[in-house]
C-alpha atoms as a PDB file:
ATOM      1  CA  MET A   1    -147.124 -95.864 -94.559  1.00  0.00           C
ATOM      2  CA  ASN A   2    -148.108 -92.320 -93.818  1.00  0.00           C
ATOM      3  CA  SER A   3    -147.646 -89.724 -96.911  1.00  0.00           C
ATOM      4  CA  VAL A   4    -145.892 -86.535 -95.556  1.00  0.00           C
ATOM      5  CA  GLY A   5    -145.792 -82.920 -96.746  1.00  0.00           C
ATOM      6  CA  LEU A   6    -143.327 -80.255 -95.276  1.00  0.00           C
ATOM      7  CA  CYS A   7    -144.261 -76.345 -95.212  1.00  0.00           C
ATOM      8  CA  VAL A   8    -142.108 -73.534 -94.672  1.00  0.00           C
ATOM      9  CA  PRO A   9    -143.664 -69.888 -93.725  1.00  0.00           C
ATOM     10  CA  THR A  10    -140.890 -68.164 -96.163  1.00  0.00           C
ATOM     11  CA  LEU A  11    -140.269 -63.703 -96.363  1.00  0.00           C
ATOM     12  CA  ASN A  12    -136.589 -62.555 -98.022  1.00  0.00           C
ATOM     13  CA  ALA A  13    -134.584 -65.995 -97.135  1.00  0.00           C
ATOM     14  CA  GLY A  14    -131.224 -64.563 -97.609  1.00  0.00           C
ATOM     15  CA  ALA A  15    -128.288 -66.231 -97.674  1.00  0.00           C
ATOM     16  CA  LEU A  16    -129.100 -69.434 -96.532  1.00  0.00           C
ATOM     17  CA  TRP A  17    -131.698 -70.202 -98.748  1.00  0.00           C
ATOM     18  CA  HIS A  18    -130.102 -72.414-101.705  1.00  0.00           C
ATOM     19  CA  GLU A  19    -128.195 -74.189 -98.985  1.00  0.00           C
ATOM     20  CA  TRP A  20    -131.792 -74.617 -97.203  1.00  0.00           C
ATOM     21  CA  LEU A  21    -132.866 -76.323-100.803  1.00  0.00           C
ATOM     22  CA  LYS A  22    -130.535 -78.110-101.697  1.00  0.00           C
ATOM     23  CA  ARG A  23    -130.608 -79.911 -98.231  1.00  0.00           C
ATOM     24  CA  THR A  24    -134.192 -79.922 -97.892  1.00  0.00           C
ATOM     25  CA  ALA A  25    -134.374 -81.904-101.375  1.00  0.00           C
ATOM     26  CA  LEU A  26    -132.306 -84.407 -99.933  1.00  0.00           C
ATOM     27  CA  ALA A  27    -134.285 -85.238 -96.671  1.00  0.00           C
ATOM     28  CA  ALA A  28    -137.359 -84.415 -98.014  1.00  0.00           C
ATOM     29  CA  ASP A  29    -137.498 -87.241-100.662  1.00  0.00           C
ATOM     30  CA  GLY A  30    -141.161 -88.586-101.514  1.00  0.00           C
ATOM     31  CA  PHE A  31    -142.481 -85.713 -99.029  1.00  0.00           C
ATOM     32  CA  ARG A  32    -144.744 -83.131-100.879  1.00  0.00           C
ATOM     33  CA  VAL A  33    -143.180 -79.804 -99.896  1.00  0.00           C
ATOM     34  CA  LEU A  34    -145.206 -76.563 -99.832  1.00  0.00           C
ATOM     35  CA  VAL A  35    -143.512 -73.416 -99.770  1.00  0.00           C
ATOM     36  CA  VAL A  36    -145.892 -70.329 -97.997  1.00  0.00           C
ATOM     37  CA  ASP A  37    -144.241 -67.081 -99.403  1.00  0.00           C
ATOM     38  CA  SER A  38    -145.137 -63.765 -98.087  1.00  0.00           C
ATOM     39  CA  CYS A  39    -144.134 -61.565-100.981  1.00  0.00           C
ATOM     40  CA  SER A  40    -139.971 -62.096-100.902  1.00  0.00           C
ATOM     41  CA  ILE A  41    -138.479 -59.462-103.350  1.00  0.00           C
ATOM     42  CA  ASP A  42    -135.086 -61.623-103.071  1.00  0.00           C
ATOM     43  CA  GLY A  43    -136.174 -64.318-105.505  1.00  0.00           C
ATOM     44  CA  THR A  44    -136.558 -66.563-102.436  1.00  0.00           C
ATOM     45  CA  ALA A  45    -140.353 -68.027-104.382  1.00  0.00           C
ATOM     46  CA  GLU A  46    -138.588 -68.236-107.550  1.00  0.00           C
ATOM     47  CA  ALA A  47    -135.647 -70.159-106.305  1.00  0.00           C
ATOM     48  CA  ALA A  48    -138.114 -72.973-104.736  1.00  0.00           C
ATOM     49  CA  ARG A  49    -140.246 -73.331-107.968  1.00  0.00           C
ATOM     50  CA  ASN A  50    -136.711 -74.049-109.760  1.00  0.00           C
ATOM     51  CA  ALA A  51    -135.964 -76.763-106.862  1.00  0.00           C
ATOM     52  CA  GLY A  52    -139.108 -78.261-107.701  1.00  0.00           C
ATOM     53  CA  PHE A  53    -141.153 -76.602-104.748  1.00  0.00           C
ATOM     54  CA  GLU A  54    -145.364 -76.195-104.663  1.00  0.00           C
ATOM     55  CA  THR A  55    -145.206 -72.512-103.804  1.00  0.00           C
ATOM     56  CA  LEU A  56    -147.993 -70.474-102.627  1.00  0.00           C
ATOM     57  CA  GLU A  57    -147.341 -66.825-102.608  1.00  0.00           C
ATOM     58  CA  ILE A  58    -149.719 -64.722 -99.729  1.00  0.00           C
ATOM     59  CA  SER A  59    -149.478 -60.904 -99.056  1.00  0.00           C
ATOM     60  CA  ARG A  60    -147.164 -59.997 -95.965  1.00  0.00           C
ATOM     61  CA  GLU A  61    -150.150 -58.496 -94.166  1.00  0.00           C
ATOM     62  CA  THR A  62    -152.261 -61.520 -93.986  1.00  0.00           C
ATOM     63  CA  PHE A  63    -149.616 -63.418 -92.529  1.00  0.00           C
ATOM     64  CA  ASN A  64    -150.006 -64.361 -88.959  1.00  0.00           C
ATOM     65  CA  HIS A  65    -147.603 -67.498 -86.855  1.00  0.00           C
ATOM     66  CA  GLY A  66    -150.602 -69.578 -86.595  1.00  0.00           C
ATOM     67  CA  ALA A  67    -153.297 -68.807 -88.576  1.00  0.00           C
ATOM     68  CA  THR A  68    -150.732 -69.246 -91.946  1.00  0.00           C
ATOM     69  CA  ARG A  69    -149.964 -72.477 -90.570  1.00  0.00           C
ATOM     70  CA  GLN A  70    -153.706 -73.677 -90.195  1.00  0.00           C
ATOM     71  CA  SER A  71    -154.280 -72.924 -93.531  1.00  0.00           C
ATOM     72  CA  ALA A  72    -151.069 -74.973 -94.594  1.00  0.00           C
ATOM     73  CA  LEU A  73    -152.880 -77.945 -93.233  1.00  0.00           C
ATOM     74  CA  HIS A  74    -155.451 -77.720 -94.994  1.00  0.00           C
ATOM     75  CA  HIS A  75    -153.865 -76.851 -98.094  1.00  0.00           C
ATOM     76  CA  LEU A  76    -152.088 -79.940 -97.501  1.00  0.00           C
ATOM     77  CA  SER A  77    -155.323 -82.164 -97.062  1.00  0.00           C
ATOM     78  CA  ASP A  78    -153.656 -84.916 -98.488  1.00  0.00           C
ATOM     79  CA  CYS A  79    -150.663 -85.878 -95.891  1.00  0.00           C
ATOM     80  CA  ASP A  80    -151.089 -87.761 -92.692  1.00  0.00           C
ATOM     81  CA  ILE A  81    -148.481 -86.165 -91.381  1.00  0.00           C
ATOM     82  CA  VAL A  82    -147.168 -82.366 -91.605  1.00  0.00           C
ATOM     83  CA  VAL A  83    -143.734 -81.141 -90.699  1.00  0.00           C
ATOM     84  CA  PHE A  84    -143.000 -77.172 -89.876  1.00  0.00           C
ATOM     85  CA  LEU A  85    -139.318 -75.811 -91.107  1.00  0.00           C
ATOM     86  CA  THR A  86    -138.425 -72.163 -90.812  1.00  0.00           C
ATOM     87  CA  GLN A  87    -136.500 -70.938 -94.157  1.00  0.00           C
ATOM     88  CA  ASP A  88    -133.222 -70.462 -91.349  1.00  0.00           C
ATOM     89  CA  ALA A  89    -133.385 -73.763 -89.917  1.00  0.00           C
ATOM     90  CA  LEU A  90    -130.936 -76.203 -91.711  1.00  0.00           C
ATOM     91  CA  VAL A  91    -131.226 -80.196 -91.516  1.00  0.00           C
ATOM     92  CA  ALA A  92    -128.054 -81.488 -90.243  1.00  0.00           C
ATOM     93  CA  ASP A  93    -128.349 -84.563 -92.930  1.00  0.00           C
ATOM     94  CA  SER A  94    -130.602 -86.426 -95.224  1.00  0.00           C
ATOM     95  CA  GLU A  95    -132.408 -88.606 -92.650  1.00  0.00           C
ATOM     96  CA  ALA A  96    -133.258 -86.187 -89.463  1.00  0.00           C
ATOM     97  CA  LEU A  97    -136.795 -85.845 -91.783  1.00  0.00           C
ATOM     98  CA  THR A  98    -137.690 -89.397 -91.444  1.00  0.00           C
ATOM     99  CA  ARG A  99    -136.233 -89.680 -88.108  1.00  0.00           C
ATOM    100  CA  LEU A 100    -138.641 -87.044 -86.809  1.00  0.00           C
ATOM    101  CA  VAL A 101    -141.492 -88.780 -88.792  1.00  0.00           C
ATOM    102  CA  SER A 102    -140.880 -92.259 -87.582  1.00  0.00           C
ATOM    103  CA  GLU A 103    -141.992 -90.795 -84.216  1.00  0.00           C
ATOM    104  CA  PHE A 104    -145.505 -90.937 -85.580  1.00  0.00           C
ATOM    105  CA  GLU A 105    -144.990 -94.869 -85.419  1.00  0.00           C
ATOM    106  CA  ASP A 106    -146.363 -94.804 -82.102  1.00  0.00           C
ATOM    107  CA  PRO A 107    -150.523 -94.510 -82.606  1.00  0.00           C
ATOM    108  CA  GLU A 108    -150.353 -92.324 -79.401  1.00  0.00           C
ATOM    109  CA  VAL A 109    -147.811 -89.571 -80.398  1.00  0.00           C
ATOM    110  CA  GLY A 110    -149.754 -86.455 -82.057  1.00  0.00           C
ATOM    111  CA  ALA A 111    -146.795 -84.435 -82.235  1.00  0.00           C
ATOM    112  CA  ALA A 112    -143.029 -84.755 -82.068  1.00  0.00           C
ATOM    113  CA  PHE A 113    -140.324 -82.252 -82.464  1.00  0.00           C
ATOM    114  CA  GLY A 114    -135.931 -82.432 -83.504  1.00  0.00           C
ATOM    115  CA  ARG A 115    -133.023 -81.434 -82.069  1.00  0.00           C
ATOM    116  CA  GLN A 116    -131.740 -77.740 -82.962  1.00  0.00           C
ATOM    117  CA  LEU A 117    -127.797 -77.536 -83.334  1.00  0.00           C
ATOM    118  CA  PRO A 118    -126.553 -73.935 -82.798  1.00  0.00           C
ATOM    119  CA  HIS A 119    -125.199 -72.637 -86.151  1.00  0.00           C
ATOM    120  CA  LEU A 120    -121.304 -72.202 -86.182  1.00  0.00           C
ATOM    121  CA  ASP A 121    -121.015 -68.469 -85.868  1.00  0.00           C
ATOM    122  CA  ALA A 122    -123.206 -68.951 -82.227  1.00  0.00           C
ATOM    123  CA  THR A 123    -122.585 -67.011 -80.095  1.00  0.00           C
ATOM    124  CA  PRO A 124    -121.449 -68.617 -76.012  1.00  0.00           C
ATOM    125  CA  ILE A 125    -124.856 -67.494 -74.969  1.00  0.00           C
ATOM    126  CA  ALA A 126    -126.604 -69.192 -78.039  1.00  0.00           C
ATOM    127  CA  ALA A 127    -125.148 -72.499 -78.314  1.00  0.00           C
ATOM    128  CA  HIS A 128    -126.568 -72.805 -74.546  1.00  0.00           C
ATOM    129  CA  ALA A 129    -129.858 -71.475 -75.198  1.00  0.00           C
ATOM    130  CA  ARG A 130    -129.838 -74.951 -77.884  1.00  0.00           C
ATOM    131  CA  LEU A 131    -128.100 -77.053 -75.598  1.00  0.00           C
ATOM    132  CA  PHE A 132    -130.648 -76.038 -72.626  1.00  0.00           C
ATOM    133  CA  ASN A 133    -133.712 -76.111 -74.848  1.00  0.00           C
ATOM    134  CA  TYR A 134    -132.973 -79.293 -76.555  1.00  0.00           C
ATOM    135  CA  PRO A 135    -130.757 -82.171 -74.974  1.00  0.00           C
ATOM    136  CA  ALA A 136    -129.028 -85.051 -76.056  1.00  0.00           C
ATOM    137  CA  ALA A 137    -131.616 -87.811 -74.388  1.00  0.00           C
ATOM    138  CA  SER A 138    -135.297 -88.381 -76.413  1.00  0.00           C
ATOM    139  CA  ARG A 139    -137.981 -88.297 -74.756  1.00  0.00           C
ATOM    140  CA  VAL A 140    -141.957 -89.006 -75.253  1.00  0.00           C
ATOM    141  CA  VAL A 141    -144.452 -87.066 -72.603  1.00  0.00           C
ATOM    142  CA  SER A 142    -148.171 -86.912 -71.959  1.00  0.00           C
ATOM    143  CA  GLN A 143    -150.462 -85.197 -69.637  1.00  0.00           C
ATOM    144  CA  ALA A 144    -148.780 -87.428 -66.739  1.00  0.00           C
ATOM    145  CA  ASP A 145    -145.553 -85.233 -66.741  1.00  0.00           C
ATOM    146  CA  ILE A 146    -147.466 -81.926 -65.695  1.00  0.00           C
ATOM    147  CA  PRO A 147    -146.655 -81.824 -62.288  1.00  0.00           C
ATOM    148  CA  ARG A 148    -143.005 -83.080 -63.194  1.00  0.00           C
ATOM    149  CA  LEU A 149    -142.361 -80.946 -66.029  1.00  0.00           C
ATOM    150  CA  GLY A 150    -144.869 -77.478 -66.001  1.00  0.00           C
ATOM    151  CA  ILE A 151    -145.377 -75.745 -69.080  1.00  0.00           C
ATOM    152  CA  LYS A 152    -142.449 -77.637 -70.359  1.00  0.00           C
ATOM    153  CA  THR A 153    -144.360 -80.003 -71.501  1.00  0.00           C
ATOM    154  CA  ALA A 154    -146.098 -78.379 -74.174  1.00  0.00           C
ATOM    155  CA  PHE A 155    -142.648 -77.203 -75.741  1.00  0.00           C
ATOM    156  CA  LEU A 156    -142.597 -77.304 -79.247  1.00  0.00           C
ATOM    157  CA  SER A 157    -140.634 -75.260 -81.735  1.00  0.00           C
ATOM    158  CA  ASN A 158    -142.030 -74.989 -85.217  1.00  0.00           C
ATOM    159  CA  SER A 159    -138.498 -74.275 -86.310  1.00  0.00           C
ATOM    160  CA  PHE A 160    -138.635 -78.456 -86.625  1.00  0.00           C
ATOM    161  CA  ALA A 161    -141.973 -79.878 -85.712  1.00  0.00           C
ATOM    162  CA  ALA A 162    -144.041 -82.412 -87.166  1.00  0.00           C
ATOM    163  CA  TYR A 163    -148.142 -82.949 -86.639  1.00  0.00           C
ATOM    164  CA  ARG A 164    -150.665 -85.938 -86.848  1.00  0.00           C
ATOM    165  CA  ARG A 165    -152.233 -83.434 -89.590  1.00  0.00           C
ATOM    166  CA  GLN A 166    -156.304 -85.103 -88.502  1.00  0.00           C
ATOM    167  CA  ALA A 167    -155.656 -85.257 -84.619  1.00  0.00           C
ATOM    168  CA  LEU A 168    -153.943 -81.028 -84.548  1.00  0.00           C
ATOM    169  CA  ILE A 169    -157.355 -80.004 -86.563  1.00  0.00           C
ATOM    170  CA  GLU A 170    -159.940 -81.859 -84.806  1.00  0.00           C
ATOM    171  CA  ALA A 171    -158.017 -80.653 -80.955  1.00  0.00           C
ATOM    172  CA  GLY A 172    -158.292 -77.019 -82.362  1.00  0.00           C
ATOM    173  CA  GLY A 173    -155.615 -77.127 -84.873  1.00  0.00           C
ATOM    174  CA  PHE A 174    -153.005 -73.647 -84.412  1.00  0.00           C
ATOM    175  CA  PRO A 175    -154.656 -70.858 -82.723  1.00  0.00           C
ATOM    176  CA  ASP A 176    -156.024 -67.937 -85.673  1.00  0.00           C
ATOM    177  CA  HIS A 177    -154.104 -65.017 -83.760  1.00  0.00           C
ATOM    178  CA  VAL A 178    -151.095 -65.092 -81.697  1.00  0.00           C
ATOM    179  CA  ILE A 179    -148.174 -63.099 -81.806  1.00  0.00           C
ATOM    180  CA  LEU A 180    -145.735 -66.429 -81.202  1.00  0.00           C
ATOM    181  CA  SER A 181    -145.508 -69.932 -79.451  1.00  0.00           C
ATOM    182  CA  GLU A 182    -148.590 -70.606 -81.973  1.00  0.00           C
ATOM    183  CA  ASP A 183    -146.899 -74.424 -82.098  1.00  0.00           C
ATOM    184  CA  MET A 184    -146.832 -74.633 -77.947  1.00  0.00           C
ATOM    185  CA  MET A 185    -150.573 -73.730 -78.148  1.00  0.00           C
ATOM    186  CA  ALA A 186    -150.847 -76.662 -80.632  1.00  0.00           C
ATOM    187  CA  GLY A 187    -148.943 -78.958 -78.200  1.00  0.00           C
ATOM    188  CA  ALA A 188    -150.809 -77.857 -75.437  1.00  0.00           C
ATOM    189  CA  ARG A 189    -154.142 -78.647 -77.700  1.00  0.00           C
ATOM    190  CA  LEU A 190    -153.248 -82.012 -78.424  1.00  0.00           C
ATOM    191  CA  LEU A 191    -152.314 -83.151 -74.688  1.00  0.00           C
ATOM    192  CA  LYS A 192    -155.781 -81.653 -73.739  1.00  0.00           C
ATOM    193  CA  GLN A 193    -156.750 -84.650 -76.207  1.00  0.00           C
ATOM    194  CA  GLY A 194    -155.272 -86.799 -74.603  1.00  0.00           C
ATOM    195  CA  TRP A 195    -152.091 -87.436 -76.919  1.00  0.00           C
ATOM    196  CA  LYS A 196    -148.379 -87.515 -76.197  1.00  0.00           C
ATOM    197  CA  LEU A 197    -145.501 -85.030 -77.679  1.00  0.00           C
ATOM    198  CA  ALA A 198    -142.518 -86.805 -78.225  1.00  0.00           C
ATOM    199  CA  TYR A 199    -138.752 -85.238 -78.662  1.00  0.00           C
ATOM    200  CA  ASN A 200    -136.408 -86.743 -80.908  1.00  0.00           C
ATOM    201  CA  ALA A 201    -132.877 -85.773 -80.291  1.00  0.00           C
ATOM    202  CA  SER A 202    -131.157 -87.840 -83.522  1.00  0.00           C
ATOM    203  CA  ALA A 203    -133.567 -86.166 -86.173  1.00  0.00           C
ATOM    204  CA  CYS A 204    -131.363 -82.294 -86.502  1.00  0.00           C
ATOM    205  CA  VAL A 205    -131.146 -79.157 -87.626  1.00  0.00           C
ATOM    206  CA  HIS A 206    -128.819 -76.264 -87.436  1.00  0.00           C
ATOM    207  CA  HIS A 207    -131.180 -73.527 -86.161  1.00  0.00           C
ATOM    208  CA  SER A 208    -129.940 -70.169 -83.694  1.00  0.00           C
ATOM    209  CA  HIS A 209    -130.184 -66.710 -83.148  1.00  0.00           C
ATOM    210  CA  ASN A 210    -127.889 -64.572 -82.071  1.00  0.00           C
ATOM    211  CA  TYR A 211    -129.693 -62.112 -80.296  1.00  0.00           C
ATOM    212  CA  SER A 212    -128.983 -58.305 -78.944  1.00  0.00           C
ATOM    213  CA  ILE A 213    -130.255 -57.426 -75.522  1.00  0.00           C
ATOM    214  CA  ARG A 214    -132.465 -55.223 -77.089  1.00  0.00           C
ATOM    215  CA  GLU A 215    -134.012 -58.110 -79.176  1.00  0.00           C
ATOM    216  CA  GLU A 216    -134.340 -60.565 -76.337  1.00  0.00           C
ATOM    217  CA  PHE A 217    -136.331 -57.795 -74.126  1.00  0.00           C
ATOM    218  CA  LYS A 218    -138.601 -57.288 -77.157  1.00  0.00           C
ATOM    219  CA  ARG A 219    -138.632 -61.208 -77.613  1.00  0.00           C
ATOM    220  CA  TYR A 220    -139.556 -61.835 -74.096  1.00  0.00           C
ATOM    221  CA  PHE A 221    -142.220 -59.570 -74.183  1.00  0.00           C
ATOM    222  CA  ASP A 222    -143.898 -60.775 -76.856  1.00  0.00           C
ATOM    223  CA  ILE A 223    -143.911 -64.098 -74.617  1.00  0.00           C
ATOM    224  CA  GLY A 224    -145.080 -62.055 -71.699  1.00  0.00           C
ATOM    225  CA  ALA A 225    -148.073 -60.750 -74.148  1.00  0.00           C
ATOM    226  CA  PHE A 226    -148.313 -64.382 -75.232  1.00  0.00           C
ATOM    227  CA  HIS A 227    -148.897 -65.732 -71.683  1.00  0.00           C
ATOM    228  CA  ALA A 228    -151.533 -62.667 -70.964  1.00  0.00           C
ATOM    229  CA  GLN A 229    -153.299 -63.773 -73.864  1.00  0.00           C
ATOM    230  CA  GLU A 230    -153.701 -67.248 -72.901  1.00  0.00           C
ATOM    231  CA  THR A 231    -153.987 -67.396 -69.573  1.00  0.00           C
ATOM    232  CA  TRP A 232    -155.566 -70.698 -69.719  1.00  0.00           C
ATOM    233  CA  LEU A 233    -151.478 -72.690 -70.415  1.00  0.00           C
ATOM    234  CA  ILE A 234    -150.194 -70.959 -67.194  1.00  0.00           C
ATOM    235  CA  GLU A 235    -153.486 -72.005 -65.305  1.00  0.00           C
ATOM    236  CA  TRP A 236    -153.020 -75.479 -66.632  1.00  0.00           C
ATOM    237  CA  LEU A 237    -149.152 -76.172 -66.704  1.00  0.00           C
ATOM    238  CA  GLY A 238    -148.059 -73.012 -64.710  1.00  0.00           C
ATOM    239  CA  SER A 239    -145.739 -70.226 -64.100  1.00  0.00           C
ATOM    240  CA  ALA A 240    -142.808 -70.355 -66.719  1.00  0.00           C
ATOM    241  CA  GLU A 241    -140.798 -68.102 -64.464  1.00  0.00           C
ATOM    242  CA  GLY A 242    -139.649 -71.754 -62.320  1.00  0.00           C
ATOM    243  CA  GLU A 243    -138.098 -72.653 -65.816  1.00  0.00           C
ATOM    244  CA  GLY A 244    -136.319 -69.367 -66.315  1.00  0.00           C
ATOM    245  CA  LEU A 245    -134.278 -69.932 -63.142  1.00  0.00           C
ATOM    246  CA  ARG A 246    -133.421 -72.907 -64.296  1.00  0.00           C
ATOM    247  CA  PHE A 247    -131.822 -71.876 -67.374  1.00  0.00           C
ATOM    248  CA  ILE A 248    -129.977 -68.983 -65.250  1.00  0.00           C
ATOM    249  CA  ARG A 249    -128.425 -71.319 -63.363  1.00  0.00           C
ATOM    250  CA  SER A 250    -127.442 -73.698 -66.357  1.00  0.00           C
ATOM    251  CA  GLU A 251    -126.457 -70.730 -68.390  1.00  0.00           C
ATOM    252  CA  ALA A 252    -124.520 -69.391 -64.938  1.00  0.00           C
ATOM    253  CA  LYS A 253    -121.999 -72.977 -64.974  1.00  0.00           C
ATOM    254  CA  TYR A 254    -122.037 -73.150 -68.848  1.00  0.00           C
ATOM    255  CA  LEU A 255    -120.262 -70.228 -69.329  1.00  0.00           C
ATOM    256  CA  LEU A 256    -118.269 -70.291 -66.668  1.00  0.00           C
ATOM    257  CA  LYS A 257    -116.929 -73.143 -68.242  1.00  0.00           C
ATOM    258  CA  HIS A 258    -117.004 -71.756 -72.075  1.00  0.00           C
ATOM    259  CA  ALA A 259    -116.415 -68.033 -72.208  1.00  0.00           C
ATOM    260  CA  PRO A 260    -116.694 -66.363 -68.400  1.00  0.00           C
ATOM    261  CA  ILE A 261    -116.121 -63.271 -69.959  1.00  0.00           C
ATOM    262  CA  ALA A 262    -119.798 -63.353 -71.341  1.00  0.00           C
ATOM    263  CA  LEU A 263    -120.994 -63.370 -67.866  1.00  0.00           C
ATOM    264  CA  PRO A 264    -121.997 -59.463 -67.245  1.00  0.00           C
ATOM    265  CA  GLY A 265    -123.273 -59.468 -70.262  1.00  0.00           C
ATOM    266  CA  ALA A 266    -125.475 -62.999 -69.602  1.00  0.00           C
ATOM    267  CA  MET A 267    -126.402 -60.992 -66.150  1.00  0.00           C
ATOM    268  CA  LEU A 268    -127.558 -57.615 -68.121  1.00  0.00           C
ATOM    269  CA  ARG A 269    -129.699 -59.991 -71.059  1.00  0.00           C
ATOM    270  CA  THR A 270    -131.302 -62.000 -68.051  1.00  0.00           C
ATOM    271  CA  PHE A 271    -132.176 -58.766 -66.500  1.00  0.00           C
ATOM    272  CA  ALA A 272    -134.032 -57.091 -70.023  1.00  0.00           C
ATOM    273  CA  LYS A 273    -135.733 -60.730 -70.613  1.00  0.00           C
ATOM    274  CA  TYR A 274    -137.426 -60.607 -67.506  1.00  0.00           C
ATOM    275  CA  LEU A 275    -138.556 -57.258 -67.296  1.00  0.00           C
ATOM    276  CA  GLY A 276    -139.969 -57.729 -70.687  1.00  0.00           C
ATOM    277  CA  TYR A 277    -141.623 -60.491 -69.887  1.00  0.00           C
ATOM    278  CA  ARG A 278    -143.242 -58.348 -66.948  1.00  0.00           C
ATOM    279  CA  LEU A 279    -144.020 -55.855 -69.066  1.00  0.00           C
ATOM    280  CA  GLY A 280    -145.663 -58.522 -71.710  1.00  0.00           C
ATOM    281  CA  ARG A 281    -147.685 -59.674 -69.066  1.00  0.00           C
ATOM    282  CA  HIS A 282    -149.217 -56.386 -68.300  1.00  0.00           C
ATOM    283  CA  GLN A 283    -149.583 -55.559 -71.980  1.00  0.00           C
ATOM    284  CA  ARG A 284    -153.482 -54.926 -71.292  1.00  0.00           C
ATOM    285  CA  GLN A 285    -152.679 -51.600 -69.210  1.00  0.00           C
ATOM    286  CA  LEU A 286    -150.320 -50.462 -71.926  1.00  0.00           C
ATOM    287  CA  PRO A 287    -151.458 -48.111 -75.307  1.00  0.00           C
ATOM    288  CA  ASN A 288    -151.017 -49.558 -78.605  1.00  0.00           C
ATOM    289  CA  ARG A 289    -148.230 -47.601 -79.641  1.00  0.00           C
ATOM    290  CA  LEU A 290    -145.880 -48.213 -76.874  1.00  0.00           C
ATOM    291  CA  LYS A 291    -147.374 -51.977 -77.271  1.00  0.00           C
ATOM    292  CA  GLN A 292    -145.110 -51.663 -81.276  1.00  0.00           C
ATOM    293  CA  LYS A 293    -142.203 -50.358 -79.691  1.00  0.00           C
ATOM    294  CA  LEU A 294    -141.614 -52.945 -77.123  1.00  0.00           C
ATOM    295  CA  SER A 295    -142.642 -55.877 -79.513  1.00  0.00           C
ATOM    296  CA  MET A 296    -140.447 -57.858 -81.451  1.00  0.00           C
ATOM    297  CA  HIS A 297    -143.638 -58.903 -83.944  1.00  0.00           C
ATOM    298  CA  ALA A 298    -144.706 -54.573 -83.788  1.00  0.00           C
ATOM    299  CA  ARG A 299    -147.313 -55.390 -86.727  1.00  0.00           C
ATOM    300  CA  PHE A 300    -149.123 -58.017 -84.539  1.00  0.00           C
ATOM    301  CA  TRP A 301    -150.309 -54.797 -82.568  1.00  0.00           C
ATOM    302  CA  ASN A 302    -152.017 -53.056 -86.202  1.00  0.00           C
END
């Protein structure tokens, strides 16, 4: 029987937090739960302690998507499996975490992630993004799938993912200074070491974002910057543009059926995402002050 830990980084978790605590307490029965809070001022850490969860408070300036999670891996040193959730990802039922962890019964699986369903308030565009990236069919992938899946082979999401702790540490762990996509980096490192990545479609959380066009631009600028920083990912797994074209076709088909009025906005959004991504890929030629304005994670460029 594997011992399991769960980590959630938090910052002013807001209105969903009490529901998150209630659902997670039921689903994580028997798990060690660690809340890593970046000096919230809305009572996030206090509510977690009142729910019986272990809390670790860090300064906002020291938070980093990769380094903070890497620190949690070492903090949860008594756990064989470590699950990561985000503060806005609500487990869909009390068995969601157990189903995800069951993937590690396969000794070749180094990491697993579950299905993300859109929140009830998701726009059609946000709902399609979840349905596209998190389909109804489970799968397990390895290096052998790279020619077929390309960059998608290493896809993981720390909004709801779990790792074989020691395997990830030995593979290099999470990167210590990335703007985002620390989960994809961890997945790629595990693949490099011969581990498999599992996707369990029956383990579900509710998680989605109704990004504005401006926010989409900033997010894709950061993705482009990440790919420019970690060029080995593209060289090994392939370009992200092919997957982007597949997404555009799928989105157009979905919106034609469910929300045709949203199509013009989707086209503008696609242009903004592509422009942001291409600028991000050339971030080394841009001054820091401009990068801070273009980025969703402006503090990264300090």
